Amino acid sequence: MTTPKNNNKPWTPTDNAKLRTEAKGNTPTRVIGLHMGRTPSAVQSHAADIGVSLKPTNQSPYGTSKK
C-alpha cells in the first residue's frame, strides 16, 4: 500500500471544513480519506478530535425497522 500524500502533515482549517462538509453529506470514511489524501483511521481520529460525527444520518437505528 502506498503512503497517502498528506501522511503526517498537520490538518489545516481548510481540511477541517472539507471534513465537516463530507461528513454532513454521509460520505464513507474511506472515501473521505481518498479525497483528502489521508488514511481512514486518520480521518476517524481527527473527526473525533474536532467533534465531527461520521455516523450515517440517513439510516434507521438497529431494531426500529418496520416488518
PDB file of N, CA and C in Angstrom:
ATOM      1  N   MET A   1       0.839  -1.175   0.000  1.00  0.00           N
ATOM      2  CA  MET A   1       0.000   0.000   0.000  1.00  0.00           C
ATOM      3  C   MET A   1       0.886   1.242   0.000  1.00  0.00           C
ATOM      4  N   THR A   2       0.503   2.214  -0.799  1.00  0.00           N
ATOM      5  CA  THR A   2       1.290   3.440  -0.866  1.00  0.00           C
ATOM      6  C   THR A   2       0.901   4.390   0.270  1.00  0.00           C
ATOM      7  N   THR A   3       1.817   5.259   0.591  1.00  0.00           N
ATOM      8  CA  THR A   3       1.579   6.248   1.651  1.00  0.00           C
ATOM      9  C   THR A   3       0.728   7.383   1.082  1.00  0.00           C
ATOM     10  N   PRO A   4      -0.331   7.793   1.795  1.00  0.00           N
ATOM     11  CA  PRO A   4      -1.145   8.920   1.314  1.00  0.00           C
ATOM     12  C   PRO A   4      -0.323  10.196   1.201  1.00  0.00           C
ATOM     13  N   LYS A   5      -0.759  11.092   0.308  1.00  0.00           N
ATOM     14  CA  LYS A   5       0.026  12.310   0.044  1.00  0.00           C
ATOM     15  C   LYS A   5       0.125  13.241   1.248  1.00  0.00           C
ATOM     16  N   ASN A   6      -0.842  13.213   2.146  1.00  0.00           N
ATOM     17  CA  ASN A   6      -0.808  14.097   3.313  1.00  0.00           C
ATOM     18  C   ASN A   6      -0.433  13.369   4.595  1.00  0.00           C
ATOM     19  N   ASN A   7       0.226  12.249   4.466  1.00  0.00           N
ATOM     20  CA  ASN A   7       0.624  11.454   5.625  1.00  0.00           C
ATOM     21  C   ASN A   7       1.530  12.264   6.549  1.00  0.00           C
ATOM     22  N   ASN A   8       1.165  12.311   7.835  1.00  0.00           N
ATOM     23  CA  ASN A   8       1.923  13.015   8.876  1.00  0.00           C
ATOM     24  C   ASN A   8       1.984  14.532   8.695  1.00  0.00           C
ATOM     25  N   LYS A   9       1.130  15.087   7.847  1.00  0.00           N
ATOM     26  CA  LYS A   9       1.068  16.541   7.710  1.00  0.00           C
ATOM     27  C   LYS A   9      -0.026  17.061   8.632  1.00  0.00           C
ATOM     28  N   PRO A  10       0.122  18.260   9.170  1.00  0.00           N
ATOM     29  CA  PRO A  10      -0.915  18.806  10.061  1.00  0.00           C
ATOM     30  C   PRO A  10      -2.198  19.111   9.291  1.00  0.00           C
ATOM     31  N   TRP A  11      -3.314  19.033  10.018  1.00  0.00           N
ATOM     32  CA  TRP A  11      -4.621  19.353   9.440  1.00  0.00           C
ATOM     33  C   TRP A  11      -4.779  20.870   9.419  1.00  0.00           C
ATOM     34  N   THR A  12      -5.194  21.402   8.291  1.00  0.00           N
ATOM     35  CA  THR A  12      -5.409  22.839   8.156  1.00  0.00           C
ATOM     36  C   THR A  12      -6.886  23.169   8.391  1.00  0.00           C
ATOM     37  N   PRO A  13      -7.214  24.435   8.626  1.00  0.00           N
ATOM     38  CA  PRO A  13      -8.626  24.817   8.743  1.00  0.00           C
ATOM     39  C   PRO A  13      -9.434  24.461   7.493  1.00  0.00           C
ATOM     40  N   THR A  14      -8.805  24.507   6.333  1.00  0.00           N
ATOM     41  CA  THR A  14      -9.479  24.116   5.091  1.00  0.00           C
ATOM     42  C   THR A  14      -9.798  22.621   5.104  1.00  0.00           C
ATOM     43  N   ASP A  15      -8.842  21.816   5.589  1.00  0.00           N
ATOM     44  CA  ASP A  15      -9.071  20.375   5.712  1.00  0.00           C
ATOM     45  C   ASP A  15     -10.228  20.096   6.668  1.00  0.00           C
ATOM     46  N   ASN A  16     -10.267  20.835   7.781  1.00  0.00           N
ATOM     47  CA  ASN A  16     -11.346  20.653   8.756  1.00  0.00           C
ATOM     48  C   ASN A  16     -12.703  20.971   8.133  1.00  0.00           C
ATOM     49  N   ALA A  17     -12.774  22.043   7.360  1.00  0.00           N
ATOM     50  CA  ALA A  17     -14.027  22.421   6.712  1.00  0.00           C
ATOM     51  C   ALA A  17     -14.462  21.359   5.704  1.00  0.00           C
ATOM     52  N   LYS A  18     -13.516  20.838   4.947  1.00  0.00           N
ATOM     53  CA  LYS A  18     -13.841  19.801   3.962  1.00  0.00           C
ATOM     54  C   LYS A  18     -14.310  18.524   4.665  1.00  0.00           C
ATOM     55  N   LEU A  19     -13.674  18.185   5.774  1.00  0.00           N
ATOM     56  CA  LEU A  19     -14.082  17.010   6.547  1.00  0.00           C
ATOM     57  C   LEU A  19     -15.509  17.179   7.057  1.00  0.00           C
ATOM     58  N   ARG A  20     -15.819  18.349   7.579  1.00  0.00           N
ATOM     59  CA  ARG A  20     -17.185  18.613   8.080  1.00  0.00           C
ATOM     60  C   ARG A  20     -18.215  18.511   6.946  1.00  0.00           C
ATOM     61  N   THR A  21     -17.885  19.071   5.792  1.00  0.00           N
ATOM     62  CA  THR A  21     -18.797  19.051   4.646  1.00  0.00           C
ATOM     63  C   THR A  21     -19.038  17.619   4.170  1.00  0.00           C
ATOM     64  N   GLU A  22     -17.988  16.845   4.046  1.00  0.00           N
ATOM     65  CA  GLU A  22     -18.138  15.475   3.560  1.00  0.00           C
ATOM     66  C   GLU A  22     -18.853  14.600   4.576  1.00  0.00           C
ATOM     67  N   ALA A  23     -18.603  14.823   5.859  1.00  0.00           N
ATOM     68  CA  ALA A  23     -19.285  14.050   6.895  1.00  0.00           C
ATOM     69  C   ALA A  23     -20.775  14.381   6.896  1.00  0.00           C
ATOM     70  N   LYS A  24     -21.113  15.649   6.683  1.00  0.00           N
ATOM     71  CA  LYS A  24     -22.517  16.063   6.645  1.00  0.00           C
ATOM     72  C   LYS A  24     -23.233  15.425   5.454  1.00  0.00           C
ATOM     73  N   GLY A  25     -22.499  15.157   4.386  1.00  0.00           N
ATOM     74  CA  GLY A  25     -23.064  14.536   3.192  1.00  0.00           C
ATOM     75  C   GLY A  25     -23.070  13.022   3.241  1.00  0.00           C
ATOM     76  N   ASN A  26     -22.787  12.439   4.412  1.00  0.00           N
ATOM     77  CA  ASN A  26     -22.777  10.978   4.607  1.00  0.00           C
ATOM     78  C   ASN A  26     -21.761  10.251   3.727  1.00  0.00           C
ATOM     79  N   THR A  27     -20.660  10.893   3.421  1.00  0.00           N
ATOM     80  CA  THR A  27     -19.607  10.257   2.648  1.00  0.00           C
ATOM     81  C   THR A  27     -18.900   9.235   3.526  1.00  0.00           C
ATOM     82  N   PRO A  28     -18.682   8.004   3.012  1.00  0.00           N
ATOM     83  CA  PRO A  28     -17.983   6.997   3.814  1.00  0.00           C
ATOM     84  C   PRO A  28     -16.564   7.450   4.196  1.00  0.00           C
ATOM     85  N   THR A  29     -16.115   6.991   5.338  1.00  0.00           N
ATOM     86  CA  THR A  29     -14.802   7.391   5.861  1.00  0.00           C
ATOM     87  C   THR A  29     -13.684   7.071   4.884  1.00  0.00           C
ATOM     88  N   ARG A  30     -13.746   5.916   4.261  1.00  0.00           N
ATOM     89  CA  ARG A  30     -12.696   5.517   3.321  1.00  0.00           C
ATOM     90  C   ARG A  30     -12.640   6.481   2.132  1.00  0.00           C
ATOM     91  N   VAL A  31     -13.792   6.898   1.648  1.00  0.00           N
ATOM     92  CA  VAL A  31     -13.851   7.819   0.511  1.00  0.00           C
ATOM     93  C   VAL A  31     -13.335   9.205   0.918  1.00  0.00           C
ATOM     94  N   ILE A  32     -13.692   9.646   2.131  1.00  0.00           N
ATOM     95  CA  ILE A  32     -13.167  10.923   2.629  1.00  0.00           C
ATOM     96  C   ILE A  32     -11.641  10.860   2.655  1.00  0.00           C
ATOM     97  N   GLY A  33     -11.107   9.750   3.136  1.00  0.00           N
ATOM     98  CA  GLY A  33      -9.658   9.577   3.176  1.00  0.00           C
ATOM     99  C   GLY A  33      -9.027   9.667   1.796  1.00  0.00           C
ATOM    100  N   LEU A  34      -9.669   9.064   0.804  1.00  0.00           N
ATOM    101  CA  LEU A  34      -9.150   9.129  -0.561  1.00  0.00           C
ATOM    102  C   LEU A  34      -9.194  10.561  -1.090  1.00  0.00           C
ATOM    103  N   HIS A  35     -10.285  11.271  -0.828  1.00  0.00           N
ATOM    104  CA  HIS A  35     -10.413  12.658  -1.291  1.00  0.00           C
ATOM    105  C   HIS A  35      -9.381  13.575  -0.636  1.00  0.00           C
ATOM    106  N   MET A  36      -9.065  13.303   0.626  1.00  0.00           N
ATOM    107  CA  MET A  36      -8.182  14.198   1.373  1.00  0.00           C
ATOM    108  C   MET A  36      -6.722  13.737   1.409  1.00  0.00           C
ATOM    109  N   GLY A  37      -6.443  12.569   0.855  1.00  0.00           N
ATOM    110  CA  GLY A  37      -5.075  12.071   0.859  1.00  0.00           C
ATOM    111  C   GLY A  37      -4.633  11.621   2.239  1.00  0.00           C
ATOM    112  N   ARG A  38      -5.560  11.028   2.995  1.00  0.00           N
ATOM    113  CA  ARG A  38      -5.277  10.561   4.359  1.00  0.00           C
ATOM    114  C   ARG A  38      -5.831   9.152   4.520  1.00  0.00           C
ATOM    115  N   THR A  39      -5.366   8.465   5.547  1.00  0.00           N
ATOM    116  CA  THR A  39      -5.879   7.121   5.799  1.00  0.00           C
ATOM    117  C   THR A  39      -7.245   7.217   6.479  1.00  0.00           C
ATOM    118  N   PRO A  40      -8.086   6.183   6.319  1.00  0.00           N
ATOM    119  CA  PRO A  40      -9.384   6.189   7.000  1.00  0.00           C
ATOM    120  C   PRO A  40      -9.253   6.325   8.515  1.00  0.00           C
ATOM    121  N   SER A  41      -8.242   5.711   9.100  1.00  0.00           N
ATOM    122  CA  SER A  41      -8.070   5.813  10.549  1.00  0.00           C
ATOM    123  C   SER A  41      -7.673   7.231  10.954  1.00  0.00           C
ATOM    124  N   ALA A  42      -6.902   7.927  10.126  1.00  0.00           N
ATOM    125  CA  ALA A  42      -6.550   9.316  10.416  1.00  0.00           C
ATOM    126  C   ALA A  42      -7.787  10.202  10.344  1.00  0.00           C
ATOM    127  N   VAL A  43      -8.661   9.923   9.379  1.00  0.00           N
ATOM    128  CA  VAL A  43      -9.901  10.690   9.241  1.00  0.00           C
ATOM    129  C   VAL A  43     -10.783  10.469  10.470  1.00  0.00           C
ATOM    130  N   GLN A  44     -10.935   9.210  10.880  1.00  0.00           N
ATOM    131  CA  GLN A  44     -11.756   8.903  12.056  1.00  0.00           C
ATOM    132  C   GLN A  44     -11.204   9.565  13.304  1.00  0.00           C
ATOM    133  N   SER A  45      -9.910   9.473  13.489  1.00  0.00           N
ATOM    134  CA  SER A  45      -9.276  10.031  14.673  1.00  0.00           C
ATOM    135  C   SER A  45      -9.435  11.556  14.720  1.00  0.00           C
ATOM    136  N   HIS A  46      -9.181  12.219  13.607  1.00  0.00           N
ATOM    137  CA  HIS A  46      -9.270  13.679  13.592  1.00  0.00           C
ATOM    138  C   HIS A  46     -10.716  14.136  13.726  1.00  0.00           C
ATOM    139  N   ALA A  47     -11.643  13.403  13.120  1.00  0.00           N
ATOM    140  CA  ALA A  47     -13.059  13.755  13.254  1.00  0.00           C
ATOM    141  C   ALA A  47     -13.477  13.705  14.721  1.00  0.00           C
ATOM    142  N   ALA A  48     -13.017  12.707  15.446  1.00  0.00           N
ATOM    143  CA  ALA A  48     -13.324  12.612  16.875  1.00  0.00           C
ATOM    144  C   ALA A  48     -12.688  13.770  17.634  1.00  0.00           C
ATOM    145  N   ASP A  49     -11.484  14.162  17.253  1.00  0.00           N
ATOM    146  CA  ASP A  49     -10.784  15.264  17.919  1.00  0.00           C
ATOM    147  C   ASP A  49     -11.510  16.600  17.774  1.00  0.00           C
ATOM    148  N   ILE A  50     -12.116  16.830  16.599  1.00  0.00           N
ATOM    149  CA  ILE A  50     -12.769  18.117  16.367  1.00  0.00           C
ATOM    150  C   ILE A  50     -14.291  18.032  16.553  1.00  0.00           C
ATOM    151  N   GLY A  51     -14.781  16.882  16.981  1.00  0.00           N
ATOM    152  CA  GLY A  51     -16.201  16.751  17.308  1.00  0.00           C
ATOM    153  C   GLY A  51     -17.122  16.566  16.118  1.00  0.00           C
ATOM    154  N   VAL A  52     -16.631  15.908  15.072  1.00  0.00           N
ATOM    155  CA  VAL A  52     -17.447  15.645  13.883  1.00  0.00           C
ATOM    156  C   VAL A  52     -17.879  14.181  13.913  1.00  0.00           C
ATOM    157  N   SER A  53     -19.184  13.951  13.777  1.00  0.00           N
ATOM    158  CA  SER A  53     -19.701  12.587  13.760  1.00  0.00           C
ATOM    159  C   SER A  53     -19.641  12.031  12.341  1.00  0.00           C
ATOM    160  N   LEU A  54     -19.120  10.820  12.212  1.00  0.00           N
ATOM    161  CA  LEU A  54     -19.063  10.164  10.904  1.00  0.00           C
ATOM    162  C   LEU A  54     -20.149   9.103  10.760  1.00  0.00           C
ATOM    163  N   LYS A  55     -21.081   9.062  11.707  1.00  0.00           N
ATOM    164  CA  LYS A  55     -22.169   8.095  11.638  1.00  0.00           C
ATOM    165  C   LYS A  55     -23.149   8.522  10.559  1.00  0.00           C
ATOM    166  N   PRO A  56     -23.631   7.566   9.758  1.00  0.00           N
ATOM    167  CA  PRO A  56     -24.600   7.917   8.721  1.00  0.00           C
ATOM    168  C   PRO A  56     -25.903   8.423   9.336  1.00  0.00           C
ATOM    169  N   THR A  57     -26.470   9.463   8.769  1.00  0.00           N
ATOM    170  CA  THR A  57     -27.692  10.044   9.314  1.00  0.00           C
ATOM    171  C   THR A  57     -28.939   9.602   8.571  1.00  0.00           C
ATOM    172  N   ASN A  58     -28.786   8.878   7.477  1.00  0.00           N
ATOM    173  CA  ASN A  58     -29.943   8.501   6.682  1.00  0.00           C
ATOM    174  C   ASN A  58     -30.387   7.059   6.913  1.00  0.00           C
ATOM    175  N   GLN A  59     -29.960   6.432   7.985  1.00  0.00           N
ATOM    176  CA  GLN A  59     -30.325   5.055   8.268  1.00  0.00           C
ATOM    177  C   GLN A  59     -31.064   4.988   9.595  1.00  0.00           C
ATOM    178  N   SER A  60     -32.011   4.056   9.669  1.00  0.00           N
ATOM    179  CA  SER A  60     -32.744   3.851  10.913  1.00  0.00           C
ATOM    180  C   SER A  60     -31.849   3.151  11.923  1.00  0.00           C
ATOM    181  N   PRO A  61     -32.009   3.452  13.188  1.00  0.00           N
ATOM    182  CA  PRO A  61     -31.254   2.726  14.214  1.00  0.00           C
ATOM    183  C   PRO A  61     -31.625   1.252  14.204  1.00  0.00           C
ATOM    184  N   TYR A  62     -30.719   0.416  14.658  1.00  0.00           N
ATOM    185  CA  TYR A  62     -30.975  -1.024  14.697  1.00  0.00           C
ATOM    186  C   TYR A  62     -32.195  -1.332  15.546  1.00  0.00           C
ATOM    187  N   GLY A  63     -33.010  -2.252  15.066  1.00  0.00           N
ATOM    188  CA  GLY A  63     -34.167  -2.701  15.830  1.00  0.00           C
ATOM    189  C   GLY A  63     -35.392  -1.830  15.685  1.00  0.00           C
ATOM    190  N   THR A  64     -35.344  -0.798  14.829  1.00  0.00           N
ATOM    191  CA  THR A  64     -36.512   0.073  14.683  1.00  0.00           C
ATOM    192  C   THR A  64     -37.151  -0.037  13.305  1.00  0.00           C
ATOM    193  N   SER A  65     -36.696  -0.994  12.503  1.00  0.00           N
ATOM    194  CA  SER A  65     -37.266  -1.113  11.159  1.00  0.00           C
ATOM    195  C   SER A  65     -38.639  -1.777  11.227  1.00  0.00           C
ATOM    196  N   LYS A  66     -39.491  -1.415  10.278  1.00  0.00           N
ATOM    197  CA  LYS A  66     -40.825  -1.990  10.217  1.00  0.00           C
ATOM    198  C   LYS A  66     -40.750  -3.363   9.550  1.00  0.00           C
ATOM    199  N   LYS A  67     -41.568  -4.271  10.044  1.00  0.00           N
ATOM    200  CA  LYS A  67     -41.535  -5.640   9.491  1.00  0.00           C
ATOM    201  C   LYS A  67     -42.739  -5.888   8.616  1.00  0.00           C
TER     202      LYS A  67
END
